[in-house]
N, C-alpha and C. Protein backbone atom coordinates (compact mmCIF):
# COMPACT_ATOMS: atom_id res chain seq x y z
N SER A 1 73.77 82.09 36.75
CA SER A 1 72.69 81.49 37.64
C SER A 1 73.59 80.76 38.91
N MET A 2 72.94 80.78 40.18
CA MET A 2 73.22 80.05 41.07
C MET A 2 73.21 78.65 41.32
N PRO A 3 73.98 77.97 41.45
CA PRO A 3 73.86 76.28 41.73
C PRO A 3 72.82 76.19 42.65
N SER A 4 72.31 74.76 42.40
CA SER A 4 71.14 74.39 43.44
C SER A 4 71.66 74.16 44.78
N ARG A 5 72.69 73.59 44.74
CA ARG A 5 73.36 72.95 45.82
C ARG A 5 74.20 74.02 46.83
N LEU A 6 73.92 74.99 46.63
CA LEU A 6 74.80 76.42 47.63
C LEU A 6 74.23 76.17 48.74
N PHE A 7 75.32 75.97 49.57
CA PHE A 7 75.23 75.76 51.53
C PHE A 7 76.31 76.65 51.81
N ARG A 8 75.76 77.37 52.95
CA ARG A 8 76.48 78.32 53.49
C ARG A 8 76.55 78.15 54.89
N LEU A 9 77.29 78.53 55.56
CA LEU A 9 77.43 78.13 57.16
C LEU A 9 76.64 79.81 57.59
N VAL A 10 75.47 79.48 58.02
CA VAL A 10 74.93 80.87 58.53
C VAL A 10 74.54 80.50 60.43
N GLU A 11 74.10 81.73 60.77
CA GLU A 11 73.55 81.83 62.20
C GLU A 11 72.11 82.37 62.44
N VAL A 12 71.45 81.89 63.12
CA VAL A 12 70.00 82.54 63.50
C VAL A 12 69.90 82.60 64.78
N ALA A 13 69.13 83.51 65.59
CA ALA A 13 68.60 83.07 66.80
C ALA A 13 67.44 81.71 67.00
N THR A 14 67.32 81.45 67.77
CA THR A 14 65.71 80.64 67.99
C THR A 14 64.87 81.69 67.68
N THR A 15 64.49 82.79 67.69
CA THR A 15 63.49 83.57 67.54
C THR A 15 63.32 83.86 66.03
N GLY A 16 64.53 83.51 65.60
CA GLY A 16 64.09 84.01 63.88
C GLY A 16 65.12 85.25 63.78
N SER A 17 65.64 86.21 64.60
CA SER A 17 66.27 87.12 64.45
C SER A 17 67.76 86.82 64.60
N GLY A 18 68.47 88.11 63.79
CA GLY A 18 70.08 87.73 63.94
C GLY A 18 70.62 86.81 62.82
N PHE A 19 69.67 86.94 61.72
CA PHE A 19 70.37 85.90 60.34
C PHE A 19 71.43 86.67 60.08
N HIS A 20 72.59 86.05 59.98
CA HIS A 20 73.52 86.35 59.14
C HIS A 20 74.57 85.02 58.81
N VAL A 21 75.39 85.43 57.52
CA VAL A 21 76.35 84.37 57.12
C VAL A 21 77.59 84.46 57.85
N VAL A 22 78.19 82.65 58.20
CA VAL A 22 78.82 83.15 58.99
C VAL A 22 80.16 82.71 57.99
N PHE A 23 80.09 81.59 57.10
CA PHE A 23 81.20 81.59 56.09
C PHE A 23 80.51 81.25 55.04
N ALA A 24 80.80 81.81 53.91
CA ALA A 24 80.48 80.96 52.28
C ALA A 24 81.30 80.37 51.45
N PRO A 25 80.88 79.20 50.82
CA PRO A 25 81.80 78.41 49.84
C PRO A 25 82.89 79.14 49.14
N GLU A 26 82.38 80.48 48.47
CA GLU A 26 83.39 81.00 47.72
C GLU A 26 84.71 81.71 48.63
N ASP A 27 84.64 81.49 50.52
CA ASP A 27 85.14 82.37 51.17
C ASP A 27 86.33 81.00 51.18
N GLY A 28 86.28 79.62 51.05
CA GLY A 28 87.17 79.01 51.68
C GLY A 28 88.25 78.83 50.56
N PRO A 29 89.75 77.92 50.59
CA PRO A 29 90.25 77.86 49.76
C PRO A 29 90.19 77.51 48.32
N GLY A 30 90.49 78.13 47.11
CA GLY A 30 89.83 77.79 46.03
C GLY A 30 88.63 77.66 45.68
N GLY A 31 87.59 78.16 46.72
CA GLY A 31 86.30 78.01 46.48
C GLY A 31 85.43 78.56 45.56
N THR A 32 84.16 78.35 45.53
CA THR A 32 83.41 78.85 44.35
C THR A 32 82.18 78.60 44.52
N LEU A 33 81.16 78.66 43.90
CA LEU A 33 79.96 79.01 44.32
C LEU A 33 79.38 77.20 44.27
N ALA A 34 79.86 76.61 43.52
CA ALA A 34 79.97 74.95 43.54
C ALA A 34 80.39 74.84 44.51
N ASN A 35 80.81 74.85 45.53
CA ASN A 35 80.99 74.01 46.63
C ASN A 35 80.22 73.97 47.78
N ALA A 36 80.24 73.12 48.51
CA ALA A 36 79.11 73.36 49.76
C ALA A 36 79.76 72.89 50.87
N LEU A 37 79.12 73.73 51.85
CA LEU A 37 79.65 73.41 53.55
C LEU A 37 78.15 73.21 54.50
N HIS A 38 78.43 72.09 55.14
CA HIS A 38 77.46 71.19 55.61
C HIS A 38 78.03 70.82 57.09
N HIS A 39 77.29 70.45 58.07
CA HIS A 39 77.22 69.92 59.04
C HIS A 39 77.91 70.44 60.33
N ALA A 40 77.55 71.70 60.42
CA ALA A 40 78.19 72.79 61.30
C ALA A 40 77.87 72.38 62.48
N ASP A 41 79.29 72.42 63.55
CA ASP A 41 78.42 72.40 64.75
C ASP A 41 79.63 73.16 65.56
N TYR A 42 79.56 73.97 66.59
CA TYR A 42 80.42 74.63 67.22
C TYR A 42 81.00 73.57 68.56
N ALA A 43 82.70 74.12 68.67
CA ALA A 43 83.43 73.70 69.49
C ALA A 43 83.32 74.23 70.51
N PRO A 44 84.16 73.90 72.00
CA PRO A 44 84.28 74.37 73.36
C PRO A 44 84.93 75.64 73.19
N ASP A 45 85.83 75.83 72.30
CA ASP A 45 86.75 77.02 71.95
C ASP A 45 85.89 78.19 71.36
N GLY A 46 84.82 78.18 70.37
CA GLY A 46 84.14 78.91 69.89
C GLY A 46 84.33 78.77 68.40
N SER A 47 85.17 77.87 68.25
CA SER A 47 84.99 77.63 66.69
C SER A 47 84.32 76.81 66.06
N VAL A 48 83.96 76.77 64.90
CA VAL A 48 83.13 76.36 64.29
C VAL A 48 83.54 75.21 63.22
N VAL A 49 83.06 73.70 63.53
CA VAL A 49 83.18 72.81 62.85
C VAL A 49 82.21 72.38 61.52
N PHE A 50 83.26 71.92 60.36
CA PHE A 50 82.06 71.57 59.59
C PHE A 50 82.65 70.90 58.36
N GLU A 51 81.89 70.21 57.17
CA GLU A 51 82.34 69.57 56.37
C GLU A 51 82.12 70.59 54.81
N ALA A 52 83.37 70.57 54.40
CA ALA A 52 83.71 71.32 53.18
C ALA A 52 83.93 70.20 52.08
N ASP A 53 83.93 71.00 50.80
CA ASP A 53 84.36 69.71 49.45
C ASP A 53 85.31 70.67 48.64
N TRP A 54 86.12 71.41 49.34
CA TRP A 54 87.07 72.49 48.67
C TRP A 54 87.77 71.53 48.00
N THR A 55 88.67 70.85 48.84
CA THR A 55 89.64 69.57 48.62
C THR A 55 88.93 68.35 48.68
N GLY A 56 88.21 67.90 48.18
CA GLY A 56 87.43 66.79 48.43
C GLY A 56 86.73 66.62 49.70
N GLU A 57 85.83 65.85 50.39
CA GLU A 57 85.10 66.18 51.21
C GLU A 57 85.93 65.86 52.44
N ARG A 58 85.91 67.01 53.31
CA ARG A 58 87.01 66.90 54.83
C ARG A 58 86.08 67.66 55.33
N ILE A 59 86.95 67.48 56.88
CA ILE A 59 86.47 68.32 57.72
C ILE A 59 87.32 69.41 58.36
N TRP A 60 86.76 70.71 58.33
CA TRP A 60 87.50 72.08 58.42
C TRP A 60 86.99 71.93 59.96
N ARG A 61 87.62 73.34 60.42
CA ARG A 61 87.89 74.49 61.57
C ARG A 61 87.64 75.43 61.35
N LEU A 62 86.71 76.20 61.53
CA LEU A 62 86.81 78.31 61.53
C LEU A 62 86.98 78.82 62.86
N PRO A 63 87.94 78.86 63.40
CA PRO A 63 88.33 79.37 64.88
C PRO A 63 87.61 80.88 65.05
N GLY A 64 86.89 80.97 65.96
CA GLY A 64 86.09 81.96 66.06
C GLY A 64 86.82 83.76 66.10
N ASP A 65 87.93 83.47 66.02
CA ASP A 65 89.03 84.78 65.84
C ASP A 65 89.47 85.15 64.31
N SER A 66 88.79 84.32 63.39
CA SER A 66 89.63 84.27 62.19
C SER A 66 88.40 83.98 61.20
N THR A 67 89.32 84.10 59.74
CA THR A 67 88.41 83.95 58.80
C THR A 67 89.26 83.24 57.93
N THR A 68 89.96 82.02 58.38
CA THR A 68 90.50 81.20 57.40
C THR A 68 90.33 80.20 58.25
N PRO A 69 89.68 79.01 57.51
CA PRO A 69 89.36 77.95 57.82
C PRO A 69 90.50 76.97 57.53
N GLN A 70 90.44 75.50 58.51
CA GLN A 70 91.89 75.01 58.80
C GLN A 70 91.38 73.21 58.46
N VAL A 71 92.02 72.87 57.62
CA VAL A 71 91.39 71.48 57.50
C VAL A 71 91.69 70.22 58.82
N LEU A 72 91.34 69.90 59.28
CA LEU A 72 91.67 68.97 60.25
C LEU A 72 91.93 67.40 60.02
N GLY A 73 93.23 67.29 59.99
CA GLY A 73 94.14 65.87 59.61
C GLY A 73 94.15 65.90 58.35
N ASP A 74 94.26 64.63 57.78
CA ASP A 74 94.65 64.47 56.09
C ASP A 74 93.69 63.29 56.02
N PHE A 75 92.35 63.32 56.02
CA PHE A 75 91.45 62.12 56.08
C PHE A 75 90.47 62.84 54.43
N ALA A 76 90.83 61.53 53.62
CA ALA A 76 89.72 61.82 52.37
C ALA A 76 88.75 61.27 52.60
N ASN A 77 87.44 62.10 51.67
CA ASN A 77 86.17 61.64 52.13
C ASN A 77 85.83 61.58 53.78
N ASP A 78 86.04 62.24 54.40
CA ASP A 78 85.66 62.45 55.62
C ASP A 78 84.26 63.37 56.10
N ASN A 79 83.33 62.73 56.91
CA ASN A 79 82.10 63.58 56.59
C ASN A 79 81.24 63.77 57.64
N SER A 80 80.50 64.50 57.90
CA SER A 80 79.09 64.97 58.75
C SER A 80 79.70 64.79 60.56
N PRO A 81 80.97 65.70 60.59
CA PRO A 81 81.36 66.08 61.85
C PRO A 81 80.53 66.41 63.07
N CYS A 82 80.88 66.00 64.18
CA CYS A 82 79.90 66.17 65.46
C CYS A 82 80.71 66.75 66.35
N VAL A 83 80.97 68.08 67.22
CA VAL A 83 82.03 68.13 68.42
C VAL A 83 81.71 67.66 69.65
N LEU A 84 82.36 67.09 70.01
CA LEU A 84 82.23 66.04 71.27
C LEU A 84 82.37 67.49 72.72
N ASP A 85 81.73 67.35 73.57
CA ASP A 85 81.99 68.50 74.75
C ASP A 85 83.51 68.57 75.12
N ASP A 86 84.13 67.23 74.86
CA ASP A 86 85.75 67.88 74.97
C ASP A 86 86.85 68.48 73.99
N GLY A 87 85.87 68.83 73.23
CA GLY A 87 86.60 68.72 71.87
C GLY A 87 86.81 68.13 70.77
N ARG A 88 87.04 67.27 71.18
CA ARG A 88 87.26 66.12 69.85
C ARG A 88 86.05 65.88 69.09
N VAL A 89 86.22 65.59 67.92
CA VAL A 89 85.44 65.30 66.59
C VAL A 89 85.22 64.11 66.18
N ALA A 90 83.90 63.60 66.11
CA ALA A 90 83.58 62.23 65.41
C ALA A 90 83.12 62.63 64.15
N SER A 91 83.33 62.07 63.10
CA SER A 91 82.93 61.93 61.78
C SER A 91 82.96 60.56 61.13
N LEU A 92 81.95 60.42 60.00
CA LEU A 92 82.09 59.28 59.47
C LEU A 92 82.95 59.49 58.30
N TRP A 93 83.79 58.19 58.20
CA TRP A 93 85.03 58.73 57.16
C TRP A 93 84.90 57.14 56.33
N LEU A 94 84.65 57.61 54.95
CA LEU A 94 84.93 56.48 54.10
C LEU A 94 85.96 56.72 53.18
N GLY A 95 87.27 57.06 53.81
CA GLY A 95 88.26 57.11 52.87
C GLY A 95 89.75 56.57 53.73
N ARG A 96 89.48 55.59 54.89
CA ARG A 96 90.28 55.17 55.60
C ARG A 96 91.33 54.01 54.52
N PRO A 97 92.29 53.60 54.26
CA PRO A 97 93.25 52.93 53.44
C PRO A 97 92.67 51.56 53.31
N ALA A 98 92.50 51.04 54.58
CA ALA A 98 92.07 49.74 54.45
C ALA A 98 90.69 49.41 54.39
N ASN A 99 90.04 50.72 53.97
CA ASN A 99 88.00 50.46 53.82
C ASN A 99 87.97 50.37 52.36
N ASP A 100 88.76 49.24 51.27
CA ASP A 100 88.41 49.21 50.36
C ASP A 100 87.03 49.38 49.66
N ASP A 101 86.16 49.23 50.48
CA ASP A 101 84.35 49.65 49.75
C ASP A 101 84.03 50.44 50.03
N GLY A 102 84.97 51.31 50.90
CA GLY A 102 84.39 52.63 51.42
C GLY A 102 82.84 52.77 52.08
N PHE A 103 83.14 51.85 53.03
CA PHE A 103 82.04 52.12 54.10
C PHE A 103 81.81 53.47 55.05
N HIS A 104 80.95 53.83 55.52
CA HIS A 104 80.64 55.07 56.56
C HIS A 104 81.37 54.17 57.69
N GLU A 105 82.73 54.64 58.17
CA GLU A 105 83.20 54.15 59.65
C GLU A 105 82.90 55.43 60.34
N LEU A 106 82.77 54.90 61.75
CA LEU A 106 83.01 55.98 62.64
C LEU A 106 84.26 56.19 63.20
N LYS A 107 85.08 57.55 63.33
CA LYS A 107 86.19 58.16 63.64
C LYS A 107 86.10 58.75 64.66
N ILE A 108 86.86 58.90 65.40
CA ILE A 108 87.03 60.11 66.75
C ILE A 108 88.38 60.83 66.74
N MET A 109 88.59 61.84 66.46
CA MET A 109 90.10 62.81 66.29
C MET A 109 90.18 63.92 67.35
N ASP A 110 91.42 64.06 67.66
CA ASP A 110 91.40 65.27 68.85
C ASP A 110 90.94 66.63 68.22
N ALA A 111 91.07 67.83 68.62
CA ALA A 111 90.18 68.77 68.08
C ALA A 111 91.28 69.43 67.19
N ASP A 112 92.57 69.04 66.95
CA ASP A 112 93.08 69.21 65.87
C ASP A 112 93.60 68.52 64.81
N GLY A 113 93.11 67.37 64.85
CA GLY A 113 92.74 66.29 63.80
C GLY A 113 93.84 65.53 63.66
N ALA A 114 94.45 65.58 65.01
CA ALA A 114 95.53 64.37 65.41
C ALA A 114 94.77 63.10 66.41
N ASN A 115 95.64 62.12 66.57
CA ASN A 115 95.20 60.93 66.84
C ASN A 115 94.14 60.30 66.54
N GLU A 116 93.58 60.48 65.54
CA GLU A 116 92.51 59.41 65.26
C GLU A 116 92.08 58.08 65.76
N ARG A 117 91.29 57.69 66.01
CA ARG A 117 90.47 56.31 66.34
C ARG A 117 89.57 55.77 65.92
N MET A 118 89.76 54.95 65.65
CA MET A 118 88.36 54.03 64.97
C MET A 118 87.36 53.58 65.60
N LEU A 119 86.23 53.51 65.88
CA LEU A 119 84.99 53.37 66.69
C LEU A 119 84.19 52.37 65.94
N VAL A 120 83.70 52.57 64.72
CA VAL A 120 83.13 51.36 64.06
C VAL A 120 84.12 51.32 62.91
N SER A 121 84.55 50.27 62.37
CA SER A 121 85.36 50.01 61.26
C SER A 121 85.61 48.58 61.01
N ASN A 122 85.57 47.94 59.74
CA ASN A 122 85.05 47.11 58.78
C ASN A 122 86.67 46.50 58.71
N GLU A 123 87.15 45.18 59.31
CA GLU A 123 88.32 44.75 59.59
C GLU A 123 88.16 43.29 58.57
N PRO A 124 89.01 42.85 58.05
CA PRO A 124 89.15 41.53 57.23
C PRO A 124 88.57 40.58 58.09
N GLY A 125 87.56 39.67 57.67
CA GLY A 125 87.38 38.54 58.26
C GLY A 125 85.85 38.78 59.04
N GLU A 126 85.68 40.25 59.33
CA GLU A 126 84.49 40.58 59.77
C GLU A 126 83.08 40.87 59.43
N SER A 127 82.17 41.20 59.51
CA SER A 127 80.83 41.34 58.97
C SER A 127 81.20 43.00 58.55
N SER A 128 80.76 43.44 57.33
CA SER A 128 80.83 44.59 56.94
C SER A 128 79.72 45.26 57.56
N VAL A 129 79.92 46.63 58.43
CA VAL A 129 79.25 47.57 58.70
C VAL A 129 79.22 49.17 57.74
N ASP A 130 78.03 49.51 57.38
CA ASP A 130 78.27 50.91 56.50
C ASP A 130 76.99 51.67 57.67
N LEU A 131 77.53 52.32 58.06
CA LEU A 131 76.89 53.13 59.00
C LEU A 131 76.00 54.08 58.27
N SER A 132 74.54 54.66 58.35
CA SER A 132 73.85 55.13 57.19
C SER A 132 74.30 56.83 57.61
N ASP A 133 74.50 57.57 56.17
CA ASP A 133 75.35 58.95 56.26
C ASP A 133 74.08 59.76 56.06
N VAL A 134 73.24 59.83 57.68
CA VAL A 134 72.43 61.00 58.04
C VAL A 134 72.47 61.91 58.58
N GLY A 135 74.10 62.38 58.68
CA GLY A 135 74.57 62.85 59.55
C GLY A 135 74.51 62.56 60.90
N LEU A 136 75.33 62.71 61.93
CA LEU A 136 75.64 62.51 63.09
C LEU A 136 74.67 63.50 64.37
N GLY A 137 73.87 63.03 65.06
CA GLY A 137 73.14 63.30 66.04
C GLY A 137 74.45 64.44 66.76
N CYS A 138 74.05 65.83 66.95
CA CYS A 138 75.56 66.10 67.94
C CYS A 138 74.48 66.77 69.17
N GLY A 139 73.46 66.43 69.90
CA GLY A 139 72.78 66.66 70.73
C GLY A 139 73.67 66.90 72.53
N GLY A 140 73.35 67.55 73.33
CA GLY A 140 74.49 66.93 74.18
C GLY A 140 73.17 67.30 75.56
């Protein structure tokens, strides 16, 4: 039987036509039907950026001309990506080494996962901030 948490990346026109699966959980590295793909967003280069749990919760990119996803950076427990107009990716990162409490912190990284910068983080001696993980709004 199919697991209840099955999430696939799909596309469909606003008219409801053209529905098709872009990528399925079992298509990723070591993927099975138990894996989940979600929070997809288009990048300016036509690739799709999304969260998947093949190797823990991480941010992945599926280039428009490829069937092989690429993990963005080495960020454990990285969630809810949103691609900015310039191609950088914002996400909610819970796994920053200095984030002992696992709070949702706001990170921005280059399109390839390099040069991460923390926009909202918890530092010793400051008030704790845990952003709500309802997904980042990616409206332009």
